[in-house]
Amino acid sequence: MSAISKMMDAIALINAMNVGMAPAMSMGNLYMNISNSMGMAAMNHVFAQQQSTMHQQAALVVGIKKMYDFGQ
């Protein structure tokens, strides 16, 4: 085998390896994006619950204050 044919075989092997790895790389990227999105959705849900609890407590305090003010 000549040096040129060995070099062409090596280039062909590298190209085949890149083409063969592309689906695995794209699925890996997809899974990473999905897991990131799910994590952000969970964080947003927790934040919304915290905000809701704060608003409910504020409304309760205002309601109790109005009840005490009504009796005076």
N, C-alpha and C. Protein backbone atom coordinates (compact mmCIF):
# COMPACT_ATOMS: atom_id res chain seq x y z
N MET A 1 0.84 -1.19 0.00
CA MET A 1 0.00 0.00 0.00
C MET A 1 0.88 1.24 0.00
N SER A 2 0.51 2.16 -0.81
CA SER A 2 1.31 3.39 -0.88
C SER A 2 0.87 4.35 0.22
N ALA A 3 1.64 5.37 0.42
CA ALA A 3 1.36 6.36 1.46
C ALA A 3 0.08 7.12 1.15
N ILE A 4 -0.17 7.36 -0.13
CA ILE A 4 -1.38 8.10 -0.51
C ILE A 4 -2.61 7.28 -0.21
N SER A 5 -2.59 5.98 -0.51
CA SER A 5 -3.76 5.15 -0.24
C SER A 5 -3.99 5.00 1.27
N LYS A 6 -2.90 4.92 2.06
CA LYS A 6 -3.06 4.86 3.52
C LYS A 6 -3.67 6.16 4.05
N MET A 7 -3.24 7.28 3.50
CA MET A 7 -3.78 8.56 3.93
C MET A 7 -5.25 8.67 3.54
N MET A 8 -5.61 8.20 2.36
CA MET A 8 -7.01 8.25 1.93
C MET A 8 -7.87 7.34 2.80
N ASP A 9 -7.35 6.16 3.18
CA ASP A 9 -8.08 5.26 4.07
C ASP A 9 -8.29 5.91 5.43
N ALA A 10 -7.27 6.60 5.95
CA ALA A 10 -7.40 7.26 7.25
C ALA A 10 -8.43 8.37 7.20
N ILE A 11 -8.44 9.14 6.12
CA ILE A 11 -9.42 10.22 5.97
C ILE A 11 -10.82 9.65 5.85
N ALA A 12 -10.96 8.58 5.09
CA ALA A 12 -12.28 7.95 4.94
C ALA A 12 -12.77 7.41 6.28
N LEU A 13 -11.86 6.83 7.06
CA LEU A 13 -12.24 6.31 8.38
C LEU A 13 -12.69 7.43 9.31
N ILE A 14 -11.97 8.55 9.29
CA ILE A 14 -12.35 9.69 10.14
C ILE A 14 -13.71 10.23 9.72
N ASN A 15 -13.94 10.35 8.43
CA ASN A 15 -15.24 10.84 7.94
C ASN A 15 -16.36 9.89 8.34
N ALA A 16 -16.12 8.59 8.21
CA ALA A 16 -17.14 7.61 8.59
C ALA A 16 -17.41 7.67 10.09
N MET A 17 -16.37 7.87 10.89
CA MET A 17 -16.55 7.95 12.32
C MET A 17 -17.37 9.19 12.69
N ASN A 18 -17.10 10.32 12.04
CA ASN A 18 -17.87 11.54 12.32
C ASN A 18 -19.33 11.37 11.94
N VAL A 19 -19.59 10.77 10.81
CA VAL A 19 -20.96 10.55 10.36
C VAL A 19 -21.66 9.57 11.31
N GLY A 20 -20.94 8.57 11.78
CA GLY A 20 -21.54 7.60 12.69
C GLY A 20 -21.81 8.16 14.07
N MET A 21 -21.02 9.14 14.50
CA MET A 21 -21.21 9.72 15.84
C MET A 21 -22.26 10.83 15.85
N ALA A 22 -22.63 11.35 14.73
CA ALA A 22 -23.55 12.50 14.69
C ALA A 22 -24.90 12.20 15.35
N PRO A 23 -25.55 11.06 15.09
CA PRO A 23 -26.84 10.82 15.76
C PRO A 23 -26.70 10.73 17.28
N ALA A 24 -25.64 10.11 17.75
CA ALA A 24 -25.45 10.00 19.19
C ALA A 24 -25.21 11.37 19.81
N MET A 25 -24.44 12.18 19.15
CA MET A 25 -24.19 13.53 19.68
C MET A 25 -25.47 14.36 19.70
N SER A 26 -26.26 14.26 18.66
CA SER A 26 -27.49 15.05 18.61
C SER A 26 -28.49 14.57 19.67
N MET A 27 -28.56 13.26 19.90
CA MET A 27 -29.46 12.77 20.95
C MET A 27 -28.96 13.18 22.32
N GLY A 28 -27.66 13.18 22.52
CA GLY A 28 -27.10 13.64 23.79
C GLY A 28 -27.44 15.10 24.05
N ASN A 29 -27.31 15.93 23.01
CA ASN A 29 -27.68 17.34 23.14
C ASN A 29 -29.16 17.50 23.42
N LEU A 30 -29.99 16.69 22.77
CA LEU A 30 -31.43 16.76 22.99
C LEU A 30 -31.77 16.41 24.44
N TYR A 31 -31.17 15.34 24.95
CA TYR A 31 -31.43 14.95 26.33
C TYR A 31 -30.97 16.02 27.32
N MET A 32 -29.85 16.64 27.05
CA MET A 32 -29.37 17.70 27.93
C MET A 32 -30.33 18.89 27.92
N ASN A 33 -30.83 19.25 26.74
CA ASN A 33 -31.77 20.37 26.64
C ASN A 33 -33.08 20.05 27.35
N ILE A 34 -33.55 18.81 27.20
CA ILE A 34 -34.80 18.42 27.86
C ILE A 34 -34.63 18.45 29.37
N SER A 35 -33.52 17.92 29.88
CA SER A 35 -33.32 17.91 31.33
C SER A 35 -33.17 19.34 31.86
N ASN A 36 -32.53 20.21 31.11
CA ASN A 36 -32.42 21.61 31.53
C ASN A 36 -33.80 22.26 31.56
N SER A 37 -34.61 22.00 30.56
CA SER A 37 -35.96 22.59 30.52
C SER A 37 -36.82 22.08 31.66
N MET A 38 -36.70 20.79 31.97
CA MET A 38 -37.49 20.23 33.07
C MET A 38 -37.05 20.83 34.41
N GLY A 39 -35.76 21.02 34.58
CA GLY A 39 -35.27 21.65 35.80
C GLY A 39 -35.77 23.08 35.95
N MET A 40 -35.75 23.83 34.85
CA MET A 40 -36.25 25.20 34.91
C MET A 40 -37.75 25.24 35.19
N ALA A 41 -38.50 24.29 34.63
CA ALA A 41 -39.94 24.24 34.89
C ALA A 41 -40.20 23.95 36.37
N ALA A 42 -39.44 23.05 36.96
CA ALA A 42 -39.60 22.75 38.38
C ALA A 42 -39.25 23.97 39.23
N MET A 43 -38.19 24.68 38.87
CA MET A 43 -37.83 25.89 39.61
C MET A 43 -38.92 26.95 39.51
N ASN A 44 -39.48 27.11 38.33
CA ASN A 44 -40.56 28.09 38.16
C ASN A 44 -41.78 27.71 38.97
N HIS A 45 -42.07 26.42 39.05
CA HIS A 45 -43.21 25.95 39.83
C HIS A 45 -43.01 26.25 41.31
N VAL A 46 -41.83 25.98 41.82
CA VAL A 46 -41.53 26.25 43.23
C VAL A 46 -41.61 27.75 43.51
N PHE A 47 -41.07 28.55 42.61
CA PHE A 47 -41.13 30.00 42.80
C PHE A 47 -42.58 30.49 42.80
N ALA A 48 -43.41 29.95 41.92
CA ALA A 48 -44.82 30.35 41.88
C ALA A 48 -45.53 29.95 43.16
N GLN A 49 -45.20 28.79 43.71
CA GLN A 49 -45.81 28.38 44.98
C GLN A 49 -45.40 29.32 46.10
N GLN A 50 -44.14 29.70 46.13
CA GLN A 50 -43.66 30.61 47.18
C GLN A 50 -44.37 31.97 47.08
N GLN A 51 -44.51 32.47 45.87
CA GLN A 51 -45.17 33.75 45.68
C GLN A 51 -46.64 33.66 46.08
N SER A 52 -47.29 32.55 45.73
CA SER A 52 -48.69 32.36 46.08
C SER A 52 -48.87 32.32 47.59
N THR A 53 -47.98 31.63 48.28
CA THR A 53 -48.06 31.55 49.74
C THR A 53 -47.88 32.93 50.36
N MET A 54 -46.95 33.71 49.83
CA MET A 54 -46.74 35.06 50.34
C MET A 54 -47.98 35.93 50.16
N HIS A 55 -48.62 35.83 49.01
CA HIS A 55 -49.82 36.63 48.74
C HIS A 55 -50.96 36.18 49.64
N GLN A 56 -51.08 34.87 49.87
CA GLN A 56 -52.15 34.38 50.74
C GLN A 56 -51.94 34.85 52.17
N GLN A 57 -50.70 34.83 52.64
CA GLN A 57 -50.43 35.31 54.00
C GLN A 57 -50.72 36.80 54.12
N ALA A 58 -50.36 37.56 53.11
CA ALA A 58 -50.65 39.00 53.14
C ALA A 58 -52.15 39.26 53.16
N ALA A 59 -52.91 38.51 52.37
CA ALA A 59 -54.36 38.68 52.36
C ALA A 59 -54.96 38.29 53.71
N LEU A 60 -54.42 37.26 54.32
CA LEU A 60 -54.91 36.83 55.64
C LEU A 60 -54.64 37.92 56.68
N VAL A 61 -53.46 38.51 56.66
CA VAL A 61 -53.12 39.57 57.61
C VAL A 61 -54.05 40.77 57.42
N VAL A 62 -54.29 41.14 56.17
CA VAL A 62 -55.19 42.27 55.90
C VAL A 62 -56.59 41.95 56.39
N GLY A 63 -57.05 40.73 56.15
CA GLY A 63 -58.39 40.34 56.60
C GLY A 63 -58.52 40.36 58.11
N ILE A 64 -57.54 39.85 58.81
CA ILE A 64 -57.57 39.83 60.27
C ILE A 64 -57.51 41.26 60.81
N LYS A 65 -56.70 42.11 60.19
CA LYS A 65 -56.61 43.50 60.62
C LYS A 65 -57.95 44.20 60.45
N LYS A 66 -58.64 43.92 59.35
CA LYS A 66 -59.95 44.54 59.12
C LYS A 66 -60.97 44.04 60.14
N MET A 67 -60.87 42.76 60.52
CA MET A 67 -61.81 42.25 61.53
C MET A 67 -61.57 42.93 62.87
N TYR A 68 -60.32 43.13 63.25
CA TYR A 68 -60.03 43.81 64.52
C TYR A 68 -60.45 45.27 64.47
N ASP A 69 -60.23 45.93 63.32
CA ASP A 69 -60.62 47.32 63.18
C ASP A 69 -62.14 47.48 63.20
N PHE A 70 -62.86 46.48 62.73
CA PHE A 70 -64.33 46.55 62.69
C PHE A 70 -64.90 46.55 64.09
N GLY A 71 -64.26 45.83 65.00
CA GLY A 71 -64.78 45.72 66.37
C GLY A 71 -64.55 46.97 67.18
N GLN A 72 -63.68 47.84 66.79
CA GLN A 72 -63.39 49.04 67.61
C GLN A 72 -64.29 50.19 67.28
